[in-house]
Amino acid sequence: MTQPDQWQMKKELNLAHVLTTLALLVSGILYINDLDKRIITNTQELNHIKQIRNEDQKRIEKRLDSIEKKLDALLSVNRPLS
Protein backbone atom coordinates (compact mmCIF):
# COMPACT_ATOMS: atom_id res chain seq x y z
CA MET A 1 0.00 0.00 0.00
CA THR A 2 1.11 3.50 -0.74
CA GLN A 3 0.98 6.33 1.72
CA PRO A 4 -1.45 9.18 1.04
CA ASP A 5 0.00 12.17 -0.72
CA GLN A 6 1.67 14.66 1.54
CA TRP A 7 0.71 18.33 1.46
CA GLN A 8 2.65 20.20 -1.14
CA MET A 9 3.14 23.92 -1.42
CA LYS A 10 4.08 25.55 -4.66
CA LYS A 11 6.28 28.59 -4.61
CA GLU A 12 4.34 30.24 -7.43
CA LEU A 13 2.71 33.62 -7.41
CA ASN A 14 -0.45 33.71 -9.48
CA LEU A 15 -1.01 37.05 -11.20
CA ALA A 16 -4.81 36.74 -10.93
CA HIS A 17 -4.61 36.38 -7.14
CA VAL A 18 -2.34 39.40 -6.85
CA LEU A 19 -4.65 41.52 -9.03
CA THR A 20 -7.80 40.53 -7.15
CA THR A 21 -6.13 41.20 -3.82
CA LEU A 22 -5.03 44.64 -4.99
CA ALA A 23 -8.52 45.35 -6.34
CA LEU A 24 -10.04 44.40 -2.98
CA LEU A 25 -7.60 46.62 -1.11
CA VAL A 26 -8.25 49.61 -3.38
CA SER A 27 -12.02 49.17 -3.22
CA GLY A 28 -11.84 48.87 0.58
CA ILE A 29 -9.84 52.08 0.85
CA LEU A 30 -12.26 53.91 -1.47
CA TYR A 31 -15.22 52.64 0.54
CA ILE A 32 -13.74 53.85 3.82
CA ASN A 33 -12.90 57.21 2.23
CA ASP A 34 -16.49 57.55 1.00
CA LEU A 35 -17.80 56.75 4.50
CA ASP A 36 -15.57 59.47 5.94
CA LYS A 37 -16.95 62.02 3.47
CA ARG A 38 -20.53 61.05 4.32
CA ILE A 39 -19.83 61.32 8.04
CA ILE A 40 -18.41 64.82 7.59
CA THR A 41 -21.41 65.84 5.46
CA ASN A 42 -23.86 64.48 8.02
CA THR A 43 -22.05 66.30 10.83
CA GLN A 44 -22.27 69.59 8.92
CA GLU A 45 -25.96 69.06 8.17
CA LEU A 46 -26.66 68.21 11.80
CA ASN A 47 -24.95 71.40 12.97
CA HIS A 48 -26.98 73.41 10.44
CA ILE A 49 -30.22 71.80 11.62
CA LYS A 50 -29.33 72.57 15.26
CA GLN A 51 -28.71 76.20 14.33
CA ILE A 52 -32.04 76.45 12.50
CA ARG A 53 -33.82 74.81 15.45
CA ASN A 54 -32.35 77.35 17.88
CA GLU A 55 -33.42 80.22 15.63
CA ASP A 56 -36.93 78.78 15.32
CA GLN A 57 -37.14 78.33 19.08
CA LYS A 58 -36.19 81.98 19.66
CA ARG A 59 -38.73 83.10 17.07
CA ILE A 60 -41.48 81.02 18.73
CA GLU A 61 -40.60 82.42 22.16
CA LYS A 62 -40.90 85.97 20.81
CA ARG A 63 -44.28 85.20 19.25
CA LEU A 64 -45.53 83.62 22.48
CA ASP A 65 -44.40 86.66 24.46
CA SER A 66 -46.27 88.89 22.02
CA ILE A 67 -49.41 86.76 22.30
CA GLU A 68 -49.13 86.78 26.09
CA LYS A 69 -48.90 90.60 26.14
CA LYS A 70 -51.95 90.89 23.90
CA LEU A 71 -53.92 88.49 26.09
CA ASP A 72 -52.95 90.42 29.20
CA ALA A 73 -54.08 93.64 27.54
CA LEU A 74 -57.40 92.10 26.51
CA LEU A 75 -58.03 90.66 29.96
CA SER A 76 -57.23 93.92 31.69
CA VAL A 77 -59.63 95.86 29.42
CA ASN A 78 -62.49 93.37 29.78
CA ARG A 79 -62.13 93.00 33.54
CA PRO A 80 -65.16 94.46 35.32
CA LEU A 81 -64.43 97.09 37.92
CA SER A 82 -65.55 96.13 41.40
PDB file of N, CA and C in Angstrom:
ATOM      1  N   MET A   1       0.829  -1.176   0.000  1.00  0.00           N
ATOM      2  CA  MET A   1       0.000   0.000   0.000  1.00  0.00           C
ATOM      3  C   MET A   1       0.881   1.249   0.000  1.00  0.00           C
ATOM      4  N   THR A   2       0.360   2.247  -0.669  1.00  0.00           N
ATOM      5  CA  THR A   2       1.108   3.497  -0.736  1.00  0.00           C
ATOM      6  C   THR A   2       0.550   4.465   0.293  1.00  0.00           C
ATOM      7  N   GLN A   3       1.392   5.307   0.754  1.00  0.00           N
ATOM      8  CA  GLN A   3       0.976   6.326   1.719  1.00  0.00           C
ATOM      9  C   GLN A   3       0.222   7.443   0.982  1.00  0.00           C
ATOM     10  N   PRO A   4      -0.756   8.067   1.695  1.00  0.00           N
ATOM     11  CA  PRO A   4      -1.455   9.176   1.041  1.00  0.00           C
ATOM     12  C   PRO A   4      -0.493  10.308   0.715  1.00  0.00           C
ATOM     13  N   ASP A   5      -0.872  11.052  -0.295  1.00  0.00           N
ATOM     14  CA  ASP A   5      -0.005  12.167  -0.722  1.00  0.00           C
ATOM     15  C   ASP A   5       0.159  13.173   0.404  1.00  0.00           C
ATOM     16  N   GLN A   6       1.365  13.622   0.543  1.00  0.00           N
ATOM     17  CA  GLN A   6       1.667  14.661   1.535  1.00  0.00           C
ATOM     18  C   GLN A   6       1.233  16.021   0.974  1.00  0.00           C
ATOM     19  N   TRP A   7       1.022  16.965   1.887  1.00  0.00           N
ATOM     20  CA  TRP A   7       0.711  18.326   1.461  1.00  0.00           C
ATOM     21  C   TRP A   7       1.904  18.876   0.687  1.00  0.00           C
ATOM     22  N   GLN A   8       1.588  19.561  -0.369  1.00  0.00           N
ATOM     23  CA  GLN A   8       2.650  20.205  -1.139  1.00  0.00           C
ATOM     24  C   GLN A   8       2.312  21.672  -1.316  1.00  0.00           C
ATOM     25  N   MET A   9       3.323  22.487  -1.231  1.00  0.00           N
ATOM     26  CA  MET A   9       3.138  23.915  -1.425  1.00  0.00           C
ATOM     27  C   MET A   9       3.993  24.367  -2.592  1.00  0.00           C
ATOM     28  N   LYS A  10       3.344  25.035  -3.512  1.00  0.00           N
ATOM     29  CA  LYS A  10       4.083  25.547  -4.663  1.00  0.00           C
ATOM     30  C   LYS A  10       4.575  26.944  -4.333  1.00  0.00           C
ATOM     31  N   LYS A  11       5.713  27.258  -4.847  1.00  0.00           N
ATOM     32  CA  LYS A  11       6.282  28.590  -4.615  1.00  0.00           C
ATOM     33  C   LYS A  11       5.990  29.491  -5.812  1.00  0.00           C
ATOM     34  N   GLU A  12       4.744  29.437  -6.296  1.00  0.00           N
ATOM     35  CA  GLU A  12       4.338  30.241  -7.432  1.00  0.00           C
ATOM     36  C   GLU A  12       3.504  31.423  -6.947  1.00  0.00           C
ATOM     37  N   LEU A  13       3.530  32.455  -7.707  1.00  0.00           N
ATOM     38  CA  LEU A  13       2.711  33.619  -7.406  1.00  0.00           C
ATOM     39  C   LEU A  13       1.796  33.843  -8.602  1.00  0.00           C
ATOM     40  N   ASN A  14       0.514  33.606  -8.396  1.00  0.00           N
ATOM     41  CA  ASN A  14      -0.452  33.706  -9.482  1.00  0.00           C
ATOM     42  C   ASN A  14      -0.835  35.176  -9.672  1.00  0.00           C
ATOM     43  N   LEU A  15      -0.734  35.659 -10.887  1.00  0.00           N
ATOM     44  CA  LEU A  15      -1.015  37.054 -11.196  1.00  0.00           C
ATOM     45  C   LEU A  15      -2.481  37.394 -10.914  1.00  0.00           C
ATOM     46  N   ALA A  16      -3.388  36.491 -11.173  1.00  0.00           N
ATOM     47  CA  ALA A  16      -4.812  36.739 -10.930  1.00  0.00           C
ATOM     48  C   ALA A  16      -5.076  36.958  -9.439  1.00  0.00           C
ATOM     49  N   HIS A  17      -4.436  36.195  -8.587  1.00  0.00           N
ATOM     50  CA  HIS A  17      -4.614  36.379  -7.143  1.00  0.00           C
ATOM     51  C   HIS A  17      -4.069  37.728  -6.687  1.00  0.00           C
ATOM     52  N   VAL A  18      -2.932  38.118  -7.215  1.00  0.00           N
ATOM     53  CA  VAL A  18      -2.340  39.404  -6.852  1.00  0.00           C
ATOM     54  C   VAL A  18      -3.256  40.543  -7.298  1.00  0.00           C
ATOM     55  N   LEU A  19      -3.775  40.466  -8.517  1.00  0.00           N
ATOM     56  CA  LEU A  19      -4.650  41.520  -9.033  1.00  0.00           C
ATOM     57  C   LEU A  19      -5.961  41.605  -8.252  1.00  0.00           C
ATOM     58  N   THR A  20      -6.553  40.484  -7.916  1.00  0.00           N
ATOM     59  CA  THR A  20      -7.804  40.530  -7.152  1.00  0.00           C
ATOM     60  C   THR A  20      -7.563  41.052  -5.742  1.00  0.00           C
ATOM     61  N   THR A  21      -6.442  40.683  -5.149  1.00  0.00           N
ATOM     62  CA  THR A  21      -6.130  41.198  -3.818  1.00  0.00           C
ATOM     63  C   THR A  21      -5.932  42.712  -3.857  1.00  0.00           C
ATOM     64  N   LEU A  22      -5.229  43.191  -4.860  1.00  0.00           N
ATOM     65  CA  LEU A  22      -5.030  44.638  -4.990  1.00  0.00           C
ATOM     66  C   LEU A  22      -6.362  45.345  -5.247  1.00  0.00           C
ATOM     67  N   ALA A  23      -7.211  44.748  -6.064  1.00  0.00           N
ATOM     68  CA  ALA A  23      -8.518  45.349  -6.340  1.00  0.00           C
ATOM     69  C   ALA A  23      -9.349  45.425  -5.066  1.00  0.00           C
ATOM     70  N   LEU A  24      -9.308  44.379  -4.246  1.00  0.00           N
ATOM     71  CA  LEU A  24     -10.043  44.397  -2.977  1.00  0.00           C
ATOM     72  C   LEU A  24      -9.502  45.469  -2.036  1.00  0.00           C
ATOM     73  N   LEU A  25      -8.190  45.599  -1.972  1.00  0.00           N
ATOM     74  CA  LEU A  25      -7.596  46.622  -1.108  1.00  0.00           C
ATOM     75  C   LEU A  25      -7.980  48.025  -1.562  1.00  0.00           C
ATOM     76  N   VAL A  26      -7.904  48.278  -2.860  1.00  0.00           N
ATOM     77  CA  VAL A  26      -8.246  49.606  -3.381  1.00  0.00           C
ATOM     78  C   VAL A  26      -9.717  49.906  -3.149  1.00  0.00           C
ATOM     79  N   SER A  27     -10.584  48.928  -3.422  1.00  0.00           N
ATOM     80  CA  SER A  27     -12.016  49.167  -3.220  1.00  0.00           C
ATOM     81  C   SER A  27     -12.336  49.369  -1.737  1.00  0.00           C
ATOM     82  N   GLY A  28     -11.641  48.669  -0.852  1.00  0.00           N
ATOM     83  CA  GLY A  28     -11.839  48.871   0.583  1.00  0.00           C
ATOM     84  C   GLY A  28     -11.425  50.263   1.017  1.00  0.00           C
ATOM     85  N   ILE A  29     -10.310  50.735   0.512  1.00  0.00           N
ATOM     86  CA  ILE A  29      -9.839  52.083   0.851  1.00  0.00           C
ATOM     87  C   ILE A  29     -10.811  53.137   0.325  1.00  0.00           C
ATOM     88  N   LEU A  30     -11.292  52.957  -0.913  1.00  0.00           N
ATOM     89  CA  LEU A  30     -12.258  53.909  -1.471  1.00  0.00           C
ATOM     90  C   LEU A  30     -13.563  53.903  -0.686  1.00  0.00           C
ATOM     91  N   TYR A  31     -13.989  52.743  -0.240  1.00  0.00           N
ATOM     92  CA  TYR A  31     -15.218  52.641   0.543  1.00  0.00           C
ATOM     93  C   TYR A  31     -15.080  53.376   1.870  1.00  0.00           C
ATOM     94  N   ILE A  32     -13.967  53.182   2.539  1.00  0.00           N
ATOM     95  CA  ILE A  32     -13.736  53.851   3.823  1.00  0.00           C
ATOM     96  C   ILE A  32     -13.645  55.359   3.618  1.00  0.00           C
ATOM     97  N   ASN A  33     -13.003  55.786   2.533  1.00  0.00           N
ATOM     98  CA  ASN A  33     -12.904  57.213   2.235  1.00  0.00           C
ATOM     99  C   ASN A  33     -14.286  57.815   1.980  1.00  0.00           C
ATOM    100  N   ASP A  34     -15.135  57.084   1.270  1.00  0.00           N
ATOM    101  CA  ASP A  34     -16.493  57.548   1.004  1.00  0.00           C
ATOM    102  C   ASP A  34     -17.291  57.651   2.304  1.00  0.00           C
ATOM    103  N   LEU A  35     -17.116  56.687   3.202  1.00  0.00           N
ATOM    104  CA  LEU A  35     -17.797  56.748   4.501  1.00  0.00           C
ATOM    105  C   LEU A  35     -17.368  57.983   5.276  1.00  0.00           C
ATOM    106  N   ASP A  36     -16.089  58.295   5.226  1.00  0.00           N
ATOM    107  CA  ASP A  36     -15.568  59.465   5.936  1.00  0.00           C
ATOM    108  C   ASP A  36     -16.200  60.741   5.394  1.00  0.00           C
ATOM    109  N   LYS A  37     -16.329  60.838   4.076  1.00  0.00           N
ATOM    110  CA  LYS A  37     -16.951  62.022   3.473  1.00  0.00           C
ATOM    111  C   LYS A  37     -18.408  62.141   3.897  1.00  0.00           C
ATOM    112  N   ARG A  38     -19.113  61.003   3.918  1.00  0.00           N
ATOM    113  CA  ARG A  38     -20.526  61.046   4.316  1.00  0.00           C
ATOM    114  C   ARG A  38     -20.673  61.426   5.786  1.00  0.00           C
ATOM    115  N   ILE A  39     -19.775  60.966   6.617  1.00  0.00           N
ATOM    116  CA  ILE A  39     -19.834  61.316   8.042  1.00  0.00           C
ATOM    117  C   ILE A  39     -19.622  62.817   8.215  1.00  0.00           C
ATOM    118  N   ILE A  40     -18.675  63.375   7.498  1.00  0.00           N
ATOM    119  CA  ILE A  40     -18.407  64.816   7.585  1.00  0.00           C
ATOM    120  C   ILE A  40     -19.618  65.607   7.099  1.00  0.00           C
ATOM    121  N   THR A  41     -20.220  65.164   5.990  1.00  0.00           N
ATOM    122  CA  THR A  41     -21.409  65.841   5.457  1.00  0.00           C
ATOM    123  C   THR A  41     -22.557  65.781   6.449  1.00  0.00           C
ATOM    124  N   ASN A  42     -22.783  64.617   7.036  1.00  0.00           N
ATOM    125  CA  ASN A  42     -23.865  64.478   8.020  1.00  0.00           C
ATOM    126  C   ASN A  42     -23.619  65.346   9.248  1.00  0.00           C
ATOM    127  N   THR A  43     -22.379  65.455   9.682  1.00  0.00           N
ATOM    128  CA  THR A  43     -22.054  66.303  10.829  1.00  0.00           C
ATOM    129  C   THR A  43     -22.361  67.769  10.515  1.00  0.00           C
ATOM    130  N   GLN A  44     -22.001  68.199   9.314  1.00  0.00           N
ATOM    131  CA  GLN A  44     -22.271  69.589   8.923  1.00  0.00           C
ATOM    132  C   GLN A  44     -23.777  69.843   8.839  1.00  0.00           C
ATOM    133  N   GLU A  45     -24.513  68.897   8.262  1.00  0.00           N
ATOM    134  CA  GLU A  45     -25.961  69.057   8.166  1.00  0.00           C
ATOM    135  C   GLU A  45     -26.603  69.077   9.549  1.00  0.00           C
ATOM    136  N   LEU A  46     -26.122  68.250  10.445  1.00  0.00           N
ATOM    137  CA  LEU A  46     -26.659  68.210  11.802  1.00  0.00           C
ATOM    138  C   LEU A  46     -26.416  69.536  12.518  1.00  0.00           C
ATOM    139  N   ASN A  47     -25.240  70.092  12.361  1.00  0.00           N
ATOM    140  CA  ASN A  47     -24.954  71.396  12.972  1.00  0.00           C
ATOM    141  C   ASN A  47     -25.852  72.484  12.389  1.00  0.00           C
ATOM    142  N   HIS A  48     -26.091  72.426  11.084  1.00  0.00           N
ATOM    143  CA  HIS A  48     -26.977  73.406  10.445  1.00  0.00           C
ATOM    144  C   HIS A  48     -28.411  73.263  10.963  1.00  0.00           C
ATOM    145  N   ILE A  49     -28.868  72.042  11.108  1.00  0.00           N
ATOM    146  CA  ILE A  49     -30.222  71.803  11.618  1.00  0.00           C
ATOM    147  C   ILE A  49     -30.347  72.288  13.064  1.00  0.00           C
ATOM    148  N   LYS A  50     -29.306  72.080  13.871  1.00  0.00           N
ATOM    149  CA  LYS A  50     -29.331  72.568  15.257  1.00  0.00           C
ATOM    150  C   LYS A  50     -29.426  74.089  15.280  1.00  0.00           C
ATOM    151  N   GLN A  51     -28.691  74.746  14.395  1.00  0.00           N
ATOM    152  CA  GLN A  51     -28.715  76.202  14.334  1.00  0.00           C
ATOM    153  C   GLN A  51     -30.106  76.694  13.935  1.00  0.00           C
ATOM    154  N   ILE A  52     -30.692  76.065  12.935  1.00  0.00           N
ATOM    155  CA  ILE A  52     -32.039  76.455  12.496  1.00  0.00           C
ATOM    156  C   ILE A  52     -33.044  76.220  13.624  1.00  0.00           C
ATOM    157  N   ARG A  53     -32.904  75.120  14.335  1.00  0.00           N
ATOM    158  CA  ARG A  53     -33.822  74.810  15.445  1.00  0.00           C
ATOM    159  C   ARG A  53     -33.735  75.869  16.542  1.00  0.00           C
ATOM    160  N   ASN A  54     -32.517  76.300  16.863  1.00  0.00           N
ATOM    161  CA  ASN A  54     -32.348  77.345  17.876  1.00  0.00           C
ATOM    162  C   ASN A  54     -32.989  78.655  17.432  1.00  0.00           C
ATOM    163  N   GLU A  55     -32.811  78.995  16.148  1.00  0.00           N
ATOM    164  CA  GLU A  55     -33.424  80.221  15.632  1.00  0.00           C
ATOM    165  C   GLU A  55     -34.947  80.115  15.663  1.00  0.00           C
ATOM    166  N   ASP A  56     -35.474  78.977  15.283  1.00  0.00           N
ATOM    167  CA  ASP A  56     -36.929  78.775  15.320  1.00  0.00           C
ATOM    168  C   ASP A  56     -37.454  78.859  16.746  1.00  0.00           C
ATOM    169  N   GLN A  57     -36.709  78.297  17.679  1.00  0.00           N
ATOM    170  CA  GLN A  57     -37.143  78.330  19.078  1.00  0.00           C
ATOM    171  C   GLN A  57     -37.183  79.769  19.592  1.00  0.00           C
ATOM    172  N   LYS A  58     -36.197  80.571  19.244  1.00  0.00           N
ATOM    173  CA  LYS A  58     -36.189  81.979  19.657  1.00  0.00           C
ATOM    174  C   LYS A  58     -37.361  82.731  19.033  1.00  0.00           C
ATOM    175  N   ARG A  59     -37.627  82.447  17.755  1.00  0.00           N
ATOM    176  CA  ARG A  59     -38.734  83.100  17.072  1.00  0.00           C
ATOM    177  C   ARG A  59     -40.070  82.721  17.721  1.00  0.00           C
ATOM    178  N   ILE A  60     -40.242  81.472  18.070  1.00  0.00           N
ATOM    179  CA  ILE A  60     -41.476  81.017  18.729  1.00  0.00           C
ATOM    180  C   ILE A  60     -41.629  81.668  20.093  1.00  0.00           C
ATOM    181  N   GLU A  61     -40.533  81.772  20.838  1.00  0.00           N
ATOM    182  CA  GLU A  61     -40.604  82.415  22.160  1.00  0.00           C
ATOM    183  C   GLU A  61     -41.020  83.878  22.028  1.00  0.00           C
ATOM    184  N   LYS A  62     -40.505  84.571  21.027  1.00  0.00           N
ATOM    185  CA  LYS A  62     -40.898  85.971  20.814  1.00  0.00           C
ATOM    186  C   LYS A  62     -42.377  86.086  20.476  1.00  0.00           C
ATOM    187  N   ARG A  63     -42.857  85.177  19.617  1.00  0.00           N
ATOM    188  CA  ARG A  63     -44.278  85.196  19.252  1.00  0.00           C
ATOM    189  C   ARG A  63     -45.155  84.903  20.471  1.00  0.00           C
ATOM    190  N   LEU A  64     -44.745  83.950  21.287  1.00  0.00           N
ATOM    191  CA  LEU A  64     -45.525  83.619  22.481  1.00  0.00           C
ATOM    192  C   LEU A  64     -45.550  84.783  23.457  1.00  0.00           C
ATOM    193  N   ASP A  65     -44.420  85.476  23.589  1.00  0.00           N
ATOM    194  CA  ASP A  65     -44.399  86.665  24.456  1.00  0.00           C
ATOM    195  C   ASP A  65     -45.355  87.732  23.928  1.00  0.00           C
ATOM    196  N   SER A  66     -45.376  87.905  22.621  1.00  0.00           N
ATOM    197  CA  SER A  66     -46.274  88.888  22.016  1.00  0.00           C
ATOM    198  C   SER A  66     -47.736  88.501  22.246  1.00  0.00           C
ATOM    199  N   ILE A  67     -48.043  87.239  22.069  1.00  0.00           N
ATOM    200  CA  ILE A  67     -49.415  86.759  22.297  1.00  0.00           C
ATOM    201  C   ILE A  67     -49.792  86.928  23.765  1.00  0.00           C
ATOM    202  N   GLU A  68     -48.862  86.654  24.654  1.00  0.00           N
ATOM    203  CA  GLU A  68     -49.133  86.784  26.087  1.00  0.00           C
ATOM    204  C   GLU A  68     -49.421  88.250  26.452  1.00  0.00           C
ATOM    205  N   LYS A  69     -48.664  89.175  25.875  1.00  0.00           N
ATOM    206  CA  LYS A  69     -48.899  90.596  26.138  1.00  0.00           C
ATOM    207  C   LYS A  69     -50.272  91.028  25.624  1.00  0.00           C
ATOM    208  N   LYS A  70     -50.646  90.538  24.467  1.00  0.00           N
ATOM    209  CA  LYS A  70     -51.951  90.888  23.902  1.00  0.00           C
ATOM    210  C   LYS A  70     -53.079  90.316  24.751  1.00  0.00           C
ATOM    211  N   LEU A  71     -52.905  89.090  25.223  1.00  0.00           N
ATOM    212  CA  LEU A  71     -53.922  88.493  26.089  1.00  0.00           C
ATOM    213  C   LEU A  71     -54.043  89.257  27.404  1.00  0.00           C
ATOM    214  N   ASP A  72     -52.917  89.643  27.965  1.00  0.00           N
ATOM    215  CA  ASP A  72     -52.952  90.415  29.203  1.00  0.00           C
ATOM    216  C   ASP A  72     -53.679  91.741  28.986  1.00  0.00           C
ATOM    217  N   ALA A  73     -53.410  92.373  27.837  1.00  0.00           N
ATOM    218  CA  ALA A  73     -54.079  93.643  27.535  1.00  0.00           C
ATOM    219  C   ALA A  73     -55.581  93.436  27.369  1.00  0.00           C
ATOM    220  N   LEU A  74     -55.984  92.382  26.688  1.00  0.00           N
ATOM    221  CA  LEU A  74     -57.404  92.096  26.513  1.00  0.00           C
ATOM    222  C   LEU A  74     -58.078  91.784  27.838  1.00  0.00           C
ATOM    223  N   LEU A  75     -57.433  91.014  28.672  1.00  0.00           N
ATOM    224  CA  LEU A  75     -58.028  90.658  29.962  1.00  0.00           C
ATOM    225  C   LEU A  75     -58.148  91.868  30.895  1.00  0.00           C
ATOM    226  N   SER A  76     -57.167  92.751  30.822  1.00  0.00           N
ATOM    227  CA  SER A  76     -57.232  93.924  31.694  1.00  0.00           C
ATOM    228  C   SER A  76     -58.314  94.904  31.231  1.00  0.00           C
ATOM    229  N   VAL A  77     -58.585  94.977  29.940  1.00  0.00           N
ATOM    230  CA  VAL A  77     -59.628  95.863  29.424  1.00  0.00           C
ATOM    231  C   VAL A  77     -60.993  95.295  29.724  1.00  0.00           C
ATOM    232  N   ASN A  78     -61.186  94.016  29.605  1.00  0.00           N
ATOM    233  CA  ASN A  78     -62.488  93.372  29.776  1.00  0.00           C
ATOM    234  C   ASN A  78     -62.801  93.043  31.246  1.00  0.00           C
ATOM    235  N   ARG A  79     -61.918  93.327  32.144  1.00  0.00           N
ATOM    236  CA  ARG A  79     -62.130  93.005  33.536  1.00  0.00           C
ATOM    237  C   ARG A  79     -63.115  94.014  34.144  1.00  0.00           C
ATOM    238  N   PRO A  80     -64.187  93.515  34.718  1.00  0.00           N
ATOM    239  CA  PRO A  80     -65.164  94.459  35.323  1.00  0.00           C
ATOM    240  C   PRO A  80     -64.571  95.113  36.572  1.00  0.00           C
ATOM    241  N   LEU A  81     -64.892  96.366  36.735  1.00  0.00           N
ATOM    242  CA  LEU A  81     -64.431  97.085  37.916  1.00  0.00           C
ATOM    243  C   LEU A  81     -65.320  96.751  39.086  1.00  0.00           C
ATOM    244  N   SER A  82     -64.757  96.502  40.233  1.00  0.00           N
ATOM    245  CA  SER A  82     -65.551  96.131  41.402  1.00  0.00           C
ATOM    246  C   SER A  82     -65.909  97.317  42.214  1.00  0.00           C
TER     247      SER A  82
END
